Amino acid sequence: MKITPLSDLSGQPVTMEGAAHVTRSVPIGKADGAPNTAVRVFTMAPGGHTPYHAHAWEHTNYIIAGQGELVDAEGRAHPLKAGDFALVLPHEKHQYRNASASEPFVMICAVPKSYE
């Protein structure tokens, strides 16, 4: 069993090409012995966003703070707010963006542990 308070996490900058003002922490992952799923927390500062990309695995997201957008494969932006869930399917092009000029956008992202 492992318990990790969100307040104890320190994020590392996301250096993927196309990312801006994003940090990532991994409160539960393969280093903890998780057999199937890794849980990551992404924080996007105002103006921050993930790359516009696709990959071979799904991920499930839960928004814990702020307001953002999920951009789909057609380039349409769908609003997100604290309390929303989002599912991105394998090979589905997507991007997360912070929609606030003053508040961070924070989300939990669960993925298969091999893609942590």
PDB file of N, CA and C in Angstrom:
ATOM      1  N   MET A   1       0.844  -1.177   0.000  1.00  0.00           N
ATOM      2  CA  MET A   1       0.000   0.000   0.000  1.00  0.00           C
ATOM      3  C   MET A   1       0.887   1.237   0.000  1.00  0.00           C
ATOM      4  N   LYS A   2       0.446   2.260  -0.693  1.00  0.00           N
ATOM      5  CA  LYS A   2       1.186   3.523  -0.731  1.00  0.00           C
ATOM      6  C   LYS A   2       0.194   4.672  -0.709  1.00  0.00           C
ATOM      7  N   ILE A   3       0.492   5.670   0.085  1.00  0.00           N
ATOM      8  CA  ILE A   3      -0.325   6.889   0.135  1.00  0.00           C
ATOM      9  C   ILE A   3       0.604   8.055  -0.144  1.00  0.00           C
ATOM     10  N   THR A   4       0.241   8.867  -1.131  1.00  0.00           N
ATOM     11  CA  THR A   4       1.063  10.018  -1.509  1.00  0.00           C
ATOM     12  C   THR A   4       0.196  11.269  -1.519  1.00  0.00           C
ATOM     13  N   PRO A   5       0.399  12.184  -0.586  1.00  0.00           N
ATOM     14  CA  PRO A   5      -0.351  13.448  -0.644  1.00  0.00           C
ATOM     15  C   PRO A   5       0.067  14.272  -1.872  1.00  0.00           C
ATOM     16  N   LEU A   6      -0.905  14.824  -2.550  1.00  0.00           N
ATOM     17  CA  LEU A   6      -0.623  15.664  -3.719  1.00  0.00           C
ATOM     18  C   LEU A   6       0.327  16.794  -3.345  1.00  0.00           C
ATOM     19  N   SER A   7       0.187  17.318  -2.141  1.00  0.00           N
ATOM     20  CA  SER A   7       1.038  18.431  -1.700  1.00  0.00           C
ATOM     21  C   SER A   7       2.511  18.033  -1.560  1.00  0.00           C
ATOM     22  N   ASP A   8       2.804  16.738  -1.491  1.00  0.00           N
ATOM     23  CA  ASP A   8       4.193  16.278  -1.373  1.00  0.00           C
ATOM     24  C   ASP A   8       4.898  16.118  -2.720  1.00  0.00           C
ATOM     25  N   LEU A   9       4.164  16.253  -3.805  1.00  0.00           N
ATOM     26  CA  LEU A   9       4.742  16.025  -5.132  1.00  0.00           C
ATOM     27  C   LEU A   9       5.469  17.256  -5.644  1.00  0.00           C
ATOM     28  N   SER A  10       6.575  17.031  -6.307  1.00  0.00           N
ATOM     29  CA  SER A  10       7.261  18.119  -6.998  1.00  0.00           C
ATOM     30  C   SER A  10       7.334  17.740  -8.473  1.00  0.00           C
ATOM     31  N   GLY A  11       6.856  18.612  -9.306  1.00  0.00           N
ATOM     32  CA  GLY A  11       6.803  18.317 -10.730  1.00  0.00           C
ATOM     33  C   GLY A  11       8.122  18.555 -11.434  1.00  0.00           C
ATOM     34  N   GLN A  12       8.356  17.762 -12.461  1.00  0.00           N
ATOM     35  CA  GLN A  12       9.518  17.927 -13.332  1.00  0.00           C
ATOM     36  C   GLN A  12       9.040  18.522 -14.649  1.00  0.00           C
ATOM     37  N   PRO A  13       9.790  19.426 -15.239  1.00  0.00           N
ATOM     38  CA  PRO A  13       9.356  20.018 -16.512  1.00  0.00           C
ATOM     39  C   PRO A  13       9.169  18.959 -17.599  1.00  0.00           C
ATOM     40  N   VAL A  14       8.121  19.108 -18.379  1.00  0.00           N
ATOM     41  CA  VAL A  14       7.889  18.252 -19.532  1.00  0.00           C
ATOM     42  C   VAL A  14       8.700  18.836 -20.673  1.00  0.00           C
ATOM     43  N   THR A  15       9.627  18.044 -21.226  1.00  0.00           N
ATOM     44  CA  THR A  15      10.540  18.551 -22.251  1.00  0.00           C
ATOM     45  C   THR A  15      10.196  18.045 -23.647  1.00  0.00           C
ATOM     46  N   MET A  16       9.065  17.365 -23.788  1.00  0.00           N
ATOM     47  CA  MET A  16       8.639  16.895 -25.100  1.00  0.00           C
ATOM     48  C   MET A  16       8.479  18.073 -26.053  1.00  0.00           C
ATOM     49  N   GLU A  17       8.904  17.907 -27.295  1.00  0.00           N
ATOM     50  CA  GLU A  17       8.742  18.960 -28.285  1.00  0.00           C
ATOM     51  C   GLU A  17       7.260  19.315 -28.412  1.00  0.00           C
ATOM     52  N   GLY A  18       6.950  20.610 -28.370  1.00  0.00           N
ATOM     53  CA  GLY A  18       5.575  21.075 -28.481  1.00  0.00           C
ATOM     54  C   GLY A  18       4.910  21.352 -27.146  1.00  0.00           C
ATOM     55  N   ALA A  19       5.556  20.977 -26.032  1.00  0.00           N
ATOM     56  CA  ALA A  19       5.009  21.266 -24.705  1.00  0.00           C
ATOM     57  C   ALA A  19       5.518  22.624 -24.237  1.00  0.00           C
ATOM     58  N   ALA A  20       4.685  23.327 -23.473  1.00  0.00           N
ATOM     59  CA  ALA A  20       5.085  24.626 -22.932  1.00  0.00           C
ATOM     60  C   ALA A  20       4.512  24.802 -21.540  1.00  0.00           C
ATOM     61  N   HIS A  21       5.349  25.150 -20.591  1.00  0.00           N
ATOM     62  CA  HIS A  21       4.933  25.498 -19.224  1.00  0.00           C
ATOM     63  C   HIS A  21       4.140  24.381 -18.552  1.00  0.00           C
ATOM     64  N   VAL A  22       4.649  23.135 -18.699  1.00  0.00           N
ATOM     65  CA  VAL A  22       3.987  21.962 -18.129  1.00  0.00           C
ATOM     66  C   VAL A  22       4.970  21.219 -17.237  1.00  0.00           C
ATOM     67  N   THR A  23       4.499  20.786 -16.060  1.00  0.00           N
ATOM     68  CA  THR A  23       5.279  19.904 -15.208  1.00  0.00           C
ATOM     69  C   THR A  23       4.517  18.596 -15.014  1.00  0.00           C
ATOM     70  N   ARG A  24       5.262  17.552 -14.675  1.00  0.00           N
ATOM     71  CA  ARG A  24       4.685  16.224 -14.486  1.00  0.00           C
ATOM     72  C   ARG A  24       5.291  15.591 -13.245  1.00  0.00           C
ATOM     73  N   SER A  25       4.444  14.965 -12.461  1.00  0.00           N
ATOM     74  CA  SER A  25       4.913  14.150 -11.343  1.00  0.00           C
ATOM     75  C   SER A  25       4.216  12.796 -11.428  1.00  0.00           C
ATOM     76  N   VAL A  26       4.833  11.791 -10.812  1.00  0.00           N
ATOM     77  CA  VAL A  26       4.305  10.427 -10.860  1.00  0.00           C
ATOM     78  C   VAL A  26       4.126   9.942  -9.421  1.00  0.00           C
ATOM     79  N   PRO A  27       2.931  10.138  -8.853  1.00  0.00           N
ATOM     80  CA  PRO A  27       2.719   9.694  -7.472  1.00  0.00           C
ATOM     81  C   PRO A  27       2.630   8.182  -7.327  1.00  0.00           C
ATOM     82  N   ILE A  28       2.191   7.480  -8.379  1.00  0.00           N
ATOM     83  CA  ILE A  28       2.095   6.023  -8.348  1.00  0.00           C
ATOM     84  C   ILE A  28       2.509   5.500  -9.716  1.00  0.00           C
ATOM     85  N   GLY A  29       3.500   4.607  -9.729  1.00  0.00           N
ATOM     86  CA  GLY A  29       3.974   4.072 -11.002  1.00  0.00           C
ATOM     87  C   GLY A  29       4.726   2.776 -10.825  1.00  0.00           C
ATOM     88  N   LYS A  30       5.456   2.413 -11.854  1.00  0.00           N
ATOM     89  CA  LYS A  30       6.168   1.132 -11.822  1.00  0.00           C
ATOM     90  C   LYS A  30       7.207   1.076 -10.706  1.00  0.00           C
ATOM     91  N   ALA A  31       7.813   2.199 -10.331  1.00  0.00           N
ATOM     92  CA  ALA A  31       8.785   2.204  -9.235  1.00  0.00           C
ATOM     93  C   ALA A  31       8.135   1.831  -7.903  1.00  0.00           C
ATOM     94  N   ASP A  32       6.824   1.987  -7.819  1.00  0.00           N
ATOM     95  CA  ASP A  32       6.086   1.642  -6.600  1.00  0.00           C
ATOM     96  C   ASP A  32       5.558   0.208  -6.634  1.00  0.00           C
ATOM     97  N   GLY A  33       5.805  -0.490  -7.737  1.00  0.00           N
ATOM     98  CA  GLY A  33       5.315  -1.850  -7.877  1.00  0.00           C
ATOM     99  C   GLY A  33       3.901  -1.935  -8.420  1.00  0.00           C
ATOM    100  N   ALA A  34       3.363  -0.843  -8.941  1.00  0.00           N
ATOM    101  CA  ALA A  34       2.012  -0.869  -9.518  1.00  0.00           C
ATOM    102  C   ALA A  34       1.988  -1.879 -10.659  1.00  0.00           C
ATOM    103  N   PRO A  35       1.094  -2.868 -10.621  1.00  0.00           N
ATOM    104  CA  PRO A  35       1.139  -3.925 -11.622  1.00  0.00           C
ATOM    105  C   PRO A  35       0.636  -3.537 -13.002  1.00  0.00           C
ATOM    106  N   ASN A  36      -0.242  -2.559 -13.103  1.00  0.00           N
ATOM    107  CA  ASN A  36      -0.848  -2.259 -14.399  1.00  0.00           C
ATOM    108  C   ASN A  36      -0.875  -0.793 -14.795  1.00  0.00           C
ATOM    109  N   THR A  37      -1.139   0.091 -13.846  1.00  0.00           N
ATOM    110  CA  THR A  37      -1.438   1.482 -14.170  1.00  0.00           C
ATOM    111  C   THR A  37      -0.485   2.430 -13.469  1.00  0.00           C
ATOM    112  N   ALA A  38      -0.078   3.471 -14.188  1.00  0.00           N
ATOM    113  CA  ALA A  38       0.681   4.564 -13.603  1.00  0.00           C
ATOM    114  C   ALA A  38      -0.240   5.774 -13.521  1.00  0.00           C
ATOM    115  N   VAL A  39      -0.104   6.537 -12.447  1.00  0.00           N
ATOM    116  CA  VAL A  39      -0.887   7.760 -12.274  1.00  0.00           C
ATOM    117  C   VAL A  39       0.090   8.921 -12.268  1.00  0.00           C
ATOM    118  N   ARG A  40      -0.176   9.864 -13.165  1.00  0.00           N
ATOM    119  CA  ARG A  40       0.675  11.045 -13.289  1.00  0.00           C
ATOM    120  C   ARG A  40      -0.170  12.276 -13.008  1.00  0.00           C
ATOM    121  N   VAL A  41       0.463  13.342 -12.578  1.00  0.00           N
ATOM    122  CA  VAL A  41      -0.219  14.618 -12.379  1.00  0.00           C
ATOM    123  C   VAL A  41       0.496  15.648 -13.237  1.00  0.00           C
ATOM    124  N   PHE A  42      -0.273  16.274 -14.128  1.00  0.00           N
ATOM    125  CA  PHE A  42       0.260  17.336 -14.983  1.00  0.00           C
ATOM    126  C   PHE A  42      -0.271  18.675 -14.502  1.00  0.00           C
ATOM    127  N   THR A  43       0.615  19.652 -14.433  1.00  0.00           N
ATOM    128  CA  THR A  43       0.237  21.017 -14.071  1.00  0.00           C
ATOM    129  C   THR A  43       0.683  21.926 -15.201  1.00  0.00           C
ATOM    130  N   MET A  44      -0.278  22.682 -15.739  1.00  0.00           N
ATOM    131  CA  MET A  44       0.009  23.624 -16.809  1.00  0.00           C
ATOM    132  C   MET A  44      -0.184  25.043 -16.280  1.00  0.00           C
ATOM    133  N   ALA A  45       0.855  25.819 -16.346  1.00  0.00           N
ATOM    134  CA  ALA A  45       0.769  27.227 -15.961  1.00  0.00           C
ATOM    135  C   ALA A  45      -0.065  27.969 -17.005  1.00  0.00           C
ATOM    136  N   PRO A  46      -0.519  29.195 -16.693  1.00  0.00           N
ATOM    137  CA  PRO A  46      -1.214  29.980 -17.721  1.00  0.00           C
ATOM    138  C   PRO A  46      -0.369  30.031 -18.992  1.00  0.00           C
ATOM    139  N   GLY A  47      -1.017  29.793 -20.129  1.00  0.00           N
ATOM    140  CA  GLY A  47      -0.315  29.733 -21.405  1.00  0.00           C
ATOM    141  C   GLY A  47       0.290  28.375 -21.693  1.00  0.00           C
ATOM    142  N   GLY A  48       0.173  27.442 -20.754  1.00  0.00           N
ATOM    143  CA  GLY A  48       0.782  26.129 -20.907  1.00  0.00           C
ATOM    144  C   GLY A  48      -0.073  25.167 -21.708  1.00  0.00           C
ATOM    145  N   HIS A  49       0.604  24.185 -22.312  1.00  0.00           N
ATOM    146  CA  HIS A  49      -0.091  23.163 -23.085  1.00  0.00           C
ATOM    147  C   HIS A  49       0.824  21.963 -23.299  1.00  0.00           C
ATOM    148  N   THR A  50       0.183  20.819 -23.551  1.00  0.00           N
ATOM    149  CA  THR A  50       0.914  19.618 -23.931  1.00  0.00           C
ATOM    150  C   THR A  50       1.153  19.666 -25.434  1.00  0.00           C
ATOM    151  N   PRO A  51       1.984  18.775 -25.967  1.00  0.00           N
ATOM    152  CA  PRO A  51       2.135  18.718 -27.426  1.00  0.00           C
ATOM    153  C   PRO A  51       0.814  18.282 -28.073  1.00  0.00           C
ATOM    154  N   TYR A  52       0.626  18.633 -29.316  1.00  0.00           N
ATOM    155  CA  TYR A  52      -0.499  18.134 -30.105  1.00  0.00           C
ATOM    156  C   TYR A  52       0.004  16.850 -30.725  1.00  0.00           C
ATOM    157  N   HIS A  53      -0.433  15.707 -30.187  1.00  0.00           N
ATOM    158  CA  HIS A  53       0.200  14.440 -30.519  1.00  0.00           C
ATOM    159  C   HIS A  53      -0.768  13.272 -30.404  1.00  0.00           C
ATOM    160  N   ALA A  54      -0.316  12.105 -30.813  1.00  0.00           N
ATOM    161  CA  ALA A  54      -1.049  10.848 -30.671  1.00  0.00           C
ATOM    162  C   ALA A  54      -0.062   9.780 -30.233  1.00  0.00           C
ATOM    163  N   HIS A  55      -0.569   8.722 -29.609  1.00  0.00           N
ATOM    164  CA  HIS A  55       0.269   7.611 -29.181  1.00  0.00           C
ATOM    165  C   HIS A  55      -0.555   6.342 -29.116  1.00  0.00           C
ATOM    166  N   ALA A  56       0.099   5.225 -28.897  1.00  0.00           N
ATOM    167  CA  ALA A  56      -0.527   3.906 -29.016  1.00  0.00           C
ATOM    168  C   ALA A  56      -1.340   3.474 -27.795  1.00  0.00           C
ATOM    169  N   TRP A  57      -1.385   4.262 -26.750  1.00  0.00           N
ATOM    170  CA  TRP A  57      -2.105   3.859 -25.533  1.00  0.00           C
ATOM    171  C   TRP A  57      -3.186   4.878 -25.197  1.00  0.00           C
ATOM    172  N   GLU A  58      -4.191   4.374 -24.482  1.00  0.00           N
ATOM    173  CA  GLU A  58      -5.240   5.269 -23.999  1.00  0.00           C
ATOM    174  C   GLU A  58      -4.775   5.937 -22.714  1.00  0.00           C
ATOM    175  N   HIS A  59      -5.430   7.041 -22.380  1.00  0.00           N
ATOM    176  CA  HIS A  59      -5.275   7.570 -21.029  1.00  0.00           C
ATOM    177  C   HIS A  59      -6.577   8.181 -20.557  1.00  0.00           C
ATOM    178  N   THR A  60      -6.766   8.063 -19.254  1.00  0.00           N
ATOM    179  CA  THR A  60      -7.955   8.585 -18.592  1.00  0.00           C
ATOM    180  C   THR A  60      -7.508   9.743 -17.727  1.00  0.00           C
ATOM    181  N   ASN A  61      -8.207  10.862 -17.855  1.00  0.00           N
ATOM    182  CA  ASN A  61      -7.827  12.065 -17.124  1.00  0.00           C
ATOM    183  C   ASN A  61      -8.953  12.534 -16.219  1.00  0.00           C
ATOM    184  N   TYR A  62      -8.557  13.101 -15.086  1.00  0.00           N
ATOM    185  CA  TYR A  62      -9.495  13.738 -14.166  1.00  0.00           C
ATOM    186  C   TYR A  62      -8.941  15.111 -13.847  1.00  0.00           C
ATOM    187  N   ILE A  63      -9.745  16.136 -14.063  1.00  0.00           N
ATOM    188  CA  ILE A  63      -9.303  17.512 -13.837  1.00  0.00           C
ATOM    189  C   ILE A  63      -9.511  17.843 -12.368  1.00  0.00           C
ATOM    190  N   ILE A  64      -8.422  18.238 -11.687  1.00  0.00           N
ATOM    191  CA  ILE A  64      -8.536  18.531 -10.263  1.00  0.00           C
ATOM    192  C   ILE A  64      -8.494  20.024  -9.942  1.00  0.00           C
ATOM    193  N   ALA A  65      -8.049  20.844 -10.880  1.00  0.00           N
ATOM    194  CA  ALA A  65      -8.026  22.290 -10.627  1.00  0.00           C
ATOM    195  C   ALA A  65      -7.961  23.047 -11.945  1.00  0.00           C
ATOM    196  N   GLY A  66      -8.590  24.194 -11.958  1.00  0.00           N
ATOM    197  CA  GLY A  66      -8.491  25.103 -13.091  1.00  0.00           C
ATOM    198  C   GLY A  66      -9.461  24.818 -14.213  1.00  0.00           C
ATOM    199  N   GLN A  67      -9.199  25.511 -15.324  1.00  0.00           N
ATOM    200  CA  GLN A  67     -10.006  25.378 -16.527  1.00  0.00           C
ATOM    201  C   GLN A  67      -9.071  25.183 -17.707  1.00  0.00           C
ATOM    202  N   GLY A  68      -9.447  24.271 -18.570  1.00  0.00           N
ATOM    203  CA  GLY A  68      -8.608  23.991 -19.718  1.00  0.00           C
ATOM    204  C   GLY A  68      -9.423  23.597 -20.917  1.00  0.00           C
ATOM    205  N   GLU A  69      -8.713  23.086 -21.905  1.00  0.00           N
ATOM    206  CA  GLU A  69      -9.333  22.619 -23.142  1.00  0.00           C
ATOM    207  C   GLU A  69      -8.649  21.329 -23.560  1.00  0.00           C
ATOM    208  N   LEU A  70      -9.434  20.453 -24.168  1.00  0.00           N
ATOM    209  CA  LEU A  70      -8.911  19.252 -24.804  1.00  0.00           C
ATOM    210  C   LEU A  70      -9.166  19.411 -26.294  1.00  0.00           C
ATOM    211  N   VAL A  71      -8.102  19.510 -27.066  1.00  0.00           N
ATOM    212  CA  VAL A  71      -8.199  19.688 -28.510  1.00  0.00           C
ATOM    213  C   VAL A  71      -8.234  18.310 -29.150  1.00  0.00           C
ATOM    214  N   ASP A  72      -9.228  18.083 -30.031  1.00  0.00           N
ATOM    215  CA  ASP A  72      -9.386  16.773 -30.656  1.00  0.00           C
ATOM    216  C   ASP A  72      -8.651  16.693 -31.994  1.00  0.00           C
ATOM    217  N   ALA A  73      -8.802  15.567 -32.669  1.00  0.00           N
ATOM    218  CA  ALA A  73      -8.093  15.304 -33.922  1.00  0.00           C
ATOM    219  C   ALA A  73      -8.484  16.274 -35.034  1.00  0.00           C
ATOM    220  N   GLU A  74      -9.661  16.867 -34.944  1.00  0.00           N
ATOM    221  CA  GLU A  74     -10.097  17.847 -35.951  1.00  0.00           C
ATOM    222  C   GLU A  74      -9.721  19.278 -35.573  1.00  0.00           C
ATOM    223  N   GLY A  75      -9.030  19.439 -34.438  1.00  0.00           N
ATOM    224  CA  GLY A  75      -8.603  20.767 -34.001  1.00  0.00           C
ATOM    225  C   GLY A  75      -9.645  21.519 -33.183  1.00  0.00           C
ATOM    226  N   ARG A  76     -10.755  20.861 -32.842  1.00  0.00           N
ATOM    227  CA  ARG A  76     -11.793  21.505 -32.024  1.00  0.00           C
ATOM    228  C   ARG A  76     -11.386  21.453 -30.560  1.00  0.00           C
ATOM    229  N   ALA A  77     -11.582  22.558 -29.858  1.00  0.00           N
ATOM    230  CA  ALA A  77     -11.263  22.643 -28.434  1.00  0.00           C
ATOM    231  C   ALA A  77     -12.527  22.400 -27.609  1.00  0.00           C
ATOM    232  N   HIS A  78     -12.441  21.439 -26.691  1.00  0.00           N
ATOM    233  CA  HIS A  78     -13.558  21.099 -25.804  1.00  0.00           C
ATOM    234  C   HIS A  78     -13.210  21.582 -24.405  1.00  0.00           C
ATOM    235  N   PRO A  79     -14.080  22.392 -23.777  1.00  0.00           N
ATOM    236  CA  PRO A  79     -13.762  22.943 -22.455  1.00  0.00           C
ATOM    237  C   PRO A  79     -13.714  21.863 -21.373  1.00  0.00           C
ATOM    238  N   LEU A  80     -12.808  22.054 -20.425  1.00  0.00           N
ATOM    239  CA  LEU A  80     -12.665  21.184 -19.263  1.00  0.00           C
ATOM    240  C   LEU A  80     -12.575  22.038 -18.013  1.00  0.00           C
ATOM    241  N   LYS A  81     -13.113  21.512 -16.914  1.00  0.00           N
ATOM    242  CA  LYS A  81     -13.041  22.219 -15.632  1.00  0.00           C
ATOM    243  C   LYS A  81     -12.838  21.200 -14.523  1.00  0.00           C
ATOM    244  N   ALA A  82     -12.481  21.666 -13.349  1.00  0.00           N
ATOM    245  CA  ALA A  82     -12.305  20.783 -12.205  1.00  0.00           C
ATOM    246  C   ALA A  82     -13.544  19.916 -12.033  1.00  0.00           C
ATOM    247  N   GLY A  83     -13.322  18.621 -11.857  1.00  0.00           N
ATOM    248  CA  GLY A  83     -14.405  17.660 -11.701  1.00  0.00           C
ATOM    249  C   GLY A  83     -14.737  16.898 -12.960  1.00  0.00           C
ATOM    250  N   ASP A  84     -14.187  17.295 -14.110  1.00  0.00           N
ATOM    251  CA  ASP A  84     -14.451  16.606 -15.375  1.00  0.00           C
ATOM    252  C   ASP A  84     -13.486  15.433 -15.569  1.00  0.00           C
ATOM    253  N   PHE A  85     -13.978  14.403 -16.263  1.00  0.00           N
ATOM    254  CA  PHE A  85     -13.171  13.280 -16.724  1.00  0.00           C
ATOM    255  C   PHE A  85     -13.025  13.375 -18.238  1.00  0.00           C
ATOM    256  N   ALA A  86     -11.927  12.879 -18.765  1.00  0.00           N
ATOM    257  CA  ALA A  86     -11.729  12.806 -20.219  1.00  0.00           C
ATOM    258  C   ALA A  86     -11.008  11.502 -20.543  1.00  0.00           C
ATOM    259  N   LEU A  87     -11.418  10.892 -21.640  1.00  0.00           N
ATOM    260  CA  LEU A  87     -10.775   9.679 -22.135  1.00  0.00           C
ATOM    261  C   LEU A  87     -10.207   9.974 -23.511  1.00  0.00           C
ATOM    262  N   VAL A  88      -8.933   9.690 -23.696  1.00  0.00           N
ATOM    263  CA  VAL A  88      -8.294   9.790 -25.009  1.00  0.00           C
ATOM    264  C   VAL A  88      -7.942   8.371 -25.433  1.00  0.00           C
ATOM    265  N   LEU A  89      -8.475   7.951 -26.572  1.00  0.00           N
ATOM    266  CA  LEU A  89      -8.279   6.588 -27.067  1.00  0.00           C
ATOM    267  C   LEU A  89      -6.924   6.435 -27.760  1.00  0.00           C
ATOM    268  N   PRO A  90      -6.440   5.205 -27.907  1.00  0.00           N
ATOM    269  CA  PRO A  90      -5.176   4.997 -28.609  1.00  0.00           C
ATOM    270  C   PRO A  90      -5.211   5.611 -30.010  1.00  0.00           C
ATOM    271  N   HIS A  91      -4.129   6.228 -30.401  1.00  0.00           N
ATOM    272  CA  HIS A  91      -3.921   6.829 -31.726  1.00  0.00           C
ATOM    273  C   HIS A  91      -4.808   8.046 -31.995  1.00  0.00           C
ATOM    274  N   GLU A  92      -5.490   8.564 -30.976  1.00  0.00           N
ATOM    275  CA  GLU A  92      -6.341   9.744 -31.140  1.00  0.00           C
ATOM    276  C   GLU A  92      -5.496  11.003 -30.901  1.00  0.00           C
ATOM    277  N   LYS A  93      -5.369  11.843 -31.910  1.00  0.00           N
ATOM    278  CA  LYS A  93      -4.570  13.062 -31.776  1.00  0.00           C
ATOM    279  C   LYS A  93      -5.266  13.988 -30.781  1.00  0.00           C
ATOM    280  N   HIS A  94      -4.459  14.627 -29.907  1.00  0.00           N
ATOM    281  CA  HIS A  94      -5.029  15.450 -28.843  1.00  0.00           C
ATOM    282  C   HIS A  94      -3.989  16.417 -28.281  1.00  0.00           C
ATOM    283  N   GLN A  95      -4.510  17.401 -27.575  1.00  0.00           N
ATOM    284  CA  GLN A  95      -3.667  18.360 -26.857  1.00  0.00           C
ATOM    285  C   GLN A  95      -4.480  18.918 -25.693  1.00  0.00           C
ATOM    286  N   TYR A  96      -3.825  19.085 -24.549  1.00  0.00           N
ATOM    287  CA  TYR A  96      -4.442  19.759 -23.409  1.00  0.00           C
ATOM    288  C   TYR A  96      -3.858  21.160 -23.323  1.00  0.00           C
ATOM    289  N   ARG A  97      -4.727  22.132 -23.028  1.00  0.00           N
ATOM    290  CA  ARG A  97      -4.291  23.529 -22.901  1.00  0.00           C
ATOM    291  C   ARG A  97      -4.901  24.145 -21.648  1.00  0.00           C
ATOM    292  N   ASN A  98      -4.142  25.008 -21.005  1.00  0.00           N
ATOM    293  CA  ASN A  98      -4.684  25.815 -19.919  1.00  0.00           C
ATOM    294  C   ASN A  98      -5.480  26.957 -20.553  1.00  0.00           C
ATOM    295  N   ALA A  99      -6.740  27.112 -20.142  1.00  0.00           N
ATOM    296  CA  ALA A  99      -7.603  28.153 -20.710  1.00  0.00           C
ATOM    297  C   ALA A  99      -7.665  29.396 -19.836  1.00  0.00           C
ATOM    298  N   SER A 100      -6.929  29.415 -18.737  1.00  0.00           N
ATOM    299  CA  SER A 100      -6.962  30.541 -17.803  1.00  0.00           C
ATOM    300  C   SER A 100      -5.730  31.424 -17.983  1.00  0.00           C
ATOM    301  N   ALA A 101      -5.919  32.709 -17.813  1.00  0.00           N
ATOM    302  CA  ALA A 101      -4.793  33.647 -17.880  1.00  0.00           C
ATOM    303  C   ALA A 101      -4.110  33.799 -16.523  1.00  0.00           C
ATOM    304  N   SER A 102      -4.713  33.232 -15.455  1.00  0.00           N
ATOM    305  CA  SER A 102      -4.152  33.481 -14.127  1.00  0.00           C
ATOM    306  C   SER A 102      -4.051  32.261 -13.211  1.00  0.00           C
ATOM    307  N   GLU A 103      -4.686  31.142 -13.555  1.00  0.00           N
ATOM    308  CA  GLU A 103      -4.715  29.974 -12.675  1.00  0.00           C
ATOM    309  C   GLU A 103      -4.059  28.770 -13.337  1.00  0.00           C
ATOM    310  N   PRO A 104      -3.423  27.895 -12.564  1.00  0.00           N
ATOM    311  CA  PRO A 104      -2.905  26.659 -13.141  1.00  0.00           C
ATOM    312  C   PRO A 104      -4.043  25.700 -13.503  1.00  0.00           C
ATOM    313  N   PHE A 105      -3.788  24.848 -14.454  1.00  0.00           N
ATOM    314  CA  PHE A 105      -4.692  23.783 -14.879  1.00  0.00           C
ATOM    315  C   PHE A 105      -4.013  22.483 -14.472  1.00  0.00           C
ATOM    316  N   VAL A 106      -4.669  21.683 -13.623  1.00  0.00           N
ATOM    317  CA  VAL A 106      -4.041  20.503 -13.046  1.00  0.00           C
ATOM    318  C   VAL A 106      -4.921  19.287 -13.312  1.00  0.00           C
ATOM    319  N   MET A 107      -4.299  18.213 -13.815  1.00  0.00           N
ATOM    320  CA  MET A 107      -5.075  17.007 -14.090  1.00  0.00           C
ATOM    321  C   MET A 107      -4.293  15.755 -13.717  1.00  0.00           C
ATOM    322  N   ILE A 108      -5.055  14.737 -13.333  1.00  0.00           N
ATOM    323  CA  ILE A 108      -4.531  13.406 -13.114  1.00  0.00           C
ATOM    324  C   ILE A 108      -4.639  12.661 -14.427  1.00  0.00           C
ATOM    325  N   CYS A 109      -3.614  11.908 -14.772  1.00  0.00           N
ATOM    326  CA  CYS A 109      -3.590  11.151 -16.014  1.00  0.00           C
ATOM    327  C   CYS A 109      -3.175   9.717 -15.700  1.00  0.00           C
ATOM    328  N   ALA A 110      -4.078   8.769 -15.931  1.00  0.00           N
ATOM    329  CA  ALA A 110      -3.787   7.353 -15.698  1.00  0.00           C
ATOM    330  C   ALA A 110      -3.477   6.681 -17.039  1.00  0.00           C
ATOM    331  N   VAL A 111      -2.366   5.957 -17.083  1.00  0.00           N
ATOM    332  CA  VAL A 111      -1.926   5.275 -18.294  1.00  0.00           C
ATOM    333  C   VAL A 111      -1.419   3.878 -17.922  1.00  0.00           C
ATOM    334  N   PRO A 112      -1.303   2.976 -18.905  1.00  0.00           N
ATOM    335  CA  PRO A 112      -0.640   1.702 -18.610  1.00  0.00           C
ATOM    336  C   PRO A 112       0.778   1.972 -18.107  1.00  0.00           C
ATOM    337  N   LYS A 113       1.215   1.249 -17.102  1.00  0.00           N
ATOM    338  CA  LYS A 113       2.494   1.564 -16.441  1.00  0.00           C
ATOM    339  C   LYS A 113       3.683   1.549 -17.397  1.00  0.00           C
ATOM    340  N   SER A 114       3.606   0.792 -18.482  1.00  0.00           N
ATOM    341  CA  SER A 114       4.736   0.737 -19.397  1.00  0.00           C
ATOM    342  C   SER A 114       4.917   2.045 -20.170  1.00  0.00           C
ATOM    343  N   TYR A 115       3.916   2.951 -20.104  1.00  0.00           N
ATOM    344  CA  TYR A 115       4.018   4.242 -20.791  1.00  0.00           C
ATOM    345  C   TYR A 115       4.146   5.398 -19.824  1.00  0.00           C
ATOM    346  N   GLU A 116       4.518   5.085 -18.613  1.00  0.00           N
ATOM    347  CA  GLU A 116       4.692   6.086 -17.575  1.00  0.00           C
ATOM    348  C   GLU A 116       5.632   7.173 -18.040  1.00  0.00           C
TER     349      GLU A 116
END
